[in-house]
């Protein structure tokens, strides 16, 4: 995969994703909140690939969060990274499955995925940007996905 990197304001990508995903959240009766710090530093990213990552993770969050519950996307600057955290109040991931969720073709017991490739691709895209993607989850409590992208 070849990235088309450009130094840019991550809020442009966040606002695009918010606008793109809000109708799905509303259809599913999910309370979707987007928050970010003002004056975030620029990041060197392929905007289309980062949009793909965020949309994929949000799509998962919406699928596994019951109607009437919350999904939050929060972005802030810390040290030399911009942090993007997506937190849901869904069913969570079993602790035995959690270490495997970023493996290619892994599909958990409660998976609603068609192919089992989404999170592995997201992880690869973030790594190609010099960042990290971490998943924390607790069964029946929800999931938190943290993406850290280096400041340009």
Protein backbone atom coordinates (compact mmCIF):
# COMPACT_ATOMS: atom_id res chain seq x y z
CA UNK A 1 0.00 0.00 0.00
CA UNK A 2 1.35 3.40 -0.97
CA UNK A 3 0.40 6.40 1.14
CA UNK A 4 -0.11 9.90 -0.24
CA UNK A 5 1.10 11.83 2.80
CA UNK A 6 0.27 15.47 3.31
CA UNK A 7 0.72 17.70 6.38
CA UNK A 8 -2.77 18.65 7.42
CA UNK A 9 -5.14 19.55 10.20
CA UNK A 10 -6.70 16.32 11.56
CA UNK A 11 -9.92 18.19 12.37
CA UNK A 12 -10.70 18.28 8.64
CA UNK A 13 -10.71 14.47 8.64
CA UNK A 14 -12.63 14.31 11.94
CA UNK A 15 -15.34 16.65 10.62
CA UNK A 16 -15.64 14.62 7.40
CA UNK A 17 -16.03 11.39 9.38
CA UNK A 18 -18.56 13.00 11.71
CA UNK A 19 -20.68 14.20 8.78
CA UNK A 20 -20.38 10.83 7.03
CA UNK A 21 -21.22 8.68 10.09
CA UNK A 22 -23.89 10.81 11.83
CA UNK A 23 -26.76 9.52 9.62
CA UNK A 24 -25.86 5.91 10.50
CA UNK A 25 -25.70 6.79 14.19
CA UNK A 26 -29.12 8.44 13.97
CA UNK A 27 -30.63 5.45 12.10
CA UNK A 28 -29.31 3.14 14.85
CA UNK A 29 -30.39 5.54 17.62
CA UNK A 30 -26.79 5.88 18.81
CA UNK A 31 -25.74 9.04 20.66
CA UNK A 32 -22.63 9.93 18.62
CA UNK A 33 -20.45 12.64 20.17
CA UNK A 34 -17.37 14.14 18.51
CA UNK A 35 -14.98 16.27 20.57
CA UNK A 36 -11.55 17.68 19.77
CA UNK A 37 -9.13 20.29 21.07
CA UNK A 38 -8.84 23.52 19.16
CA UNK A 39 -5.48 24.29 17.51
CA UNK A 40 -4.34 20.67 17.14
CA UNK A 41 -0.91 20.38 15.51
CA UNK A 42 -0.68 19.18 11.92
CA UNK A 43 -0.12 15.50 11.20
CA UNK A 44 1.44 13.98 8.09
CA UNK A 45 -1.27 11.63 6.84
CA UNK A 46 -2.97 10.10 3.86
CA UNK A 47 -6.38 11.59 4.66
CA UNK A 48 -8.33 8.99 2.66
CA UNK A 49 -6.65 6.12 4.52
CA UNK A 50 -7.20 7.68 7.94
CA UNK A 51 -10.85 8.32 7.03
CA UNK A 52 -11.09 4.63 6.08
CA UNK A 53 -9.66 3.62 9.49
CA UNK A 54 -11.97 5.87 11.49
CA UNK A 55 -15.08 4.90 9.51
CA UNK A 56 -14.29 1.20 9.91
CA UNK A 57 -13.80 1.51 13.68
CA UNK A 58 -16.92 3.66 14.09
CA UNK A 59 -18.92 1.22 11.98
CA UNK A 60 -17.88 -1.56 14.37
CA UNK A 61 -18.75 0.61 17.38
CA UNK A 62 -22.22 1.32 15.99
CA UNK A 63 -22.83 -2.38 15.19
CA UNK A 64 -22.04 -3.51 18.72
CA UNK A 65 -23.61 -0.66 20.70
CA UNK A 66 -27.25 -1.05 21.70
CA UNK A 67 -29.83 1.51 20.60
CA UNK A 68 -29.89 4.54 22.89
CA UNK A 69 -26.25 4.12 24.01
CA UNK A 70 -23.19 6.28 23.35
CA UNK A 71 -20.23 6.30 20.97
CA UNK A 72 -17.66 9.06 21.51
CA UNK A 73 -14.80 10.15 19.26
CA UNK A 74 -12.34 12.34 21.18
CA UNK A 75 -9.14 13.88 19.80
CA UNK A 76 -6.34 15.72 21.60
CA UNK A 77 -2.62 16.47 21.44
CA UNK A 78 -0.20 14.89 23.91
CA UNK A 79 3.60 14.91 23.67
CA UNK A 80 4.50 14.37 20.00
CA UNK A 81 1.23 12.64 19.08
CA UNK A 82 -2.34 13.40 18.19
CA UNK A 83 -4.57 10.89 20.00
CA UNK A 84 -7.88 9.79 18.54
CA UNK A 85 -10.00 7.69 20.87
CA UNK A 86 -13.23 5.99 19.90
CA UNK A 87 -15.14 4.67 22.89
CA UNK A 88 -18.41 2.75 22.79
CA UNK A 89 -20.77 1.38 25.41
CA UNK A 90 -21.45 -1.81 23.51
CA UNK A 91 -21.08 -5.50 24.25
CA UNK A 92 -17.27 -5.44 24.48
CA UNK A 93 -14.81 -8.12 23.44
CA UNK A 94 -14.04 -11.26 25.42
CA UNK A 95 -10.58 -11.10 27.07
CA UNK A 96 -9.57 -14.35 25.29
CA UNK A 97 -10.40 -12.86 21.89
CA UNK A 98 -8.96 -9.38 22.48
CA UNK A 99 -5.31 -10.27 21.60
CA UNK A 100 -6.49 -11.76 18.27
CA UNK A 101 -8.83 -9.03 16.99
CA UNK A 102 -6.14 -7.35 14.86
CA UNK A 103 -5.14 -10.62 13.17
CA UNK A 104 -6.13 -11.08 9.54
CA UNK A 105 -9.32 -13.09 9.07
CA UNK A 106 -10.01 -13.43 12.80
CA UNK A 107 -13.72 -13.33 13.54
CA UNK A 108 -14.88 -13.41 17.15
CA UNK A 109 -17.85 -15.38 18.47
CA UNK A 110 -20.14 -12.36 18.35
CA UNK A 111 -18.76 -11.06 15.07
CA UNK A 112 -21.07 -9.35 12.63
CA UNK A 113 -18.20 -8.98 10.16
CA UNK A 114 -18.42 -10.28 6.64
CA UNK A 115 -14.70 -10.93 6.09
CA UNK A 116 -12.69 -10.49 9.28
CA UNK A 117 -10.12 -8.16 7.70
CA UNK A 118 -11.17 -4.71 8.95
CA UNK A 119 -9.10 -4.22 12.10
CA UNK A 120 -5.97 -5.84 10.67
CA UNK A 121 -6.04 -3.39 7.75
CA UNK A 122 -6.71 -0.47 10.12
CA UNK A 123 -3.72 -1.51 12.23
CA UNK A 124 -1.47 -1.72 9.15
CA UNK A 125 -2.56 1.71 7.87
CA UNK A 126 -1.87 3.33 11.25
CA UNK A 127 1.54 1.60 11.48
CA UNK A 128 2.44 2.88 7.99
CA UNK A 129 1.79 6.39 9.36
CA UNK A 130 4.29 5.73 12.20
CA UNK A 131 1.45 5.45 14.70
CA UNK A 132 -0.18 2.87 16.93
CA UNK A 133 -3.64 1.38 17.25
CA UNK A 134 -4.59 -0.15 20.61
CA UNK A 135 -7.83 -1.82 21.63
CA UNK A 136 -9.04 -2.09 25.22
CA UNK A 137 -12.31 -3.78 25.97
CA UNK A 138 -14.34 -5.32 28.72
CA UNK A 139 -17.15 -7.77 28.03
CA UNK A 140 -20.59 -6.17 28.52
CA UNK A 141 -19.00 -2.75 29.20
CA UNK A 142 -17.72 -1.52 25.86
CA UNK A 143 -14.57 -0.98 23.83
CA UNK A 144 -11.99 1.79 23.54
CA UNK A 145 -9.81 2.11 20.43
CA UNK A 146 -6.84 4.49 20.72
CA UNK A 147 -5.04 5.71 17.61
CA UNK A 148 -1.83 7.70 18.09
CA UNK A 149 -0.46 9.58 15.08
CA UNK A 150 2.87 11.43 15.23
CA UNK A 151 2.80 15.20 14.88
CA UNK A 152 4.20 16.39 11.52
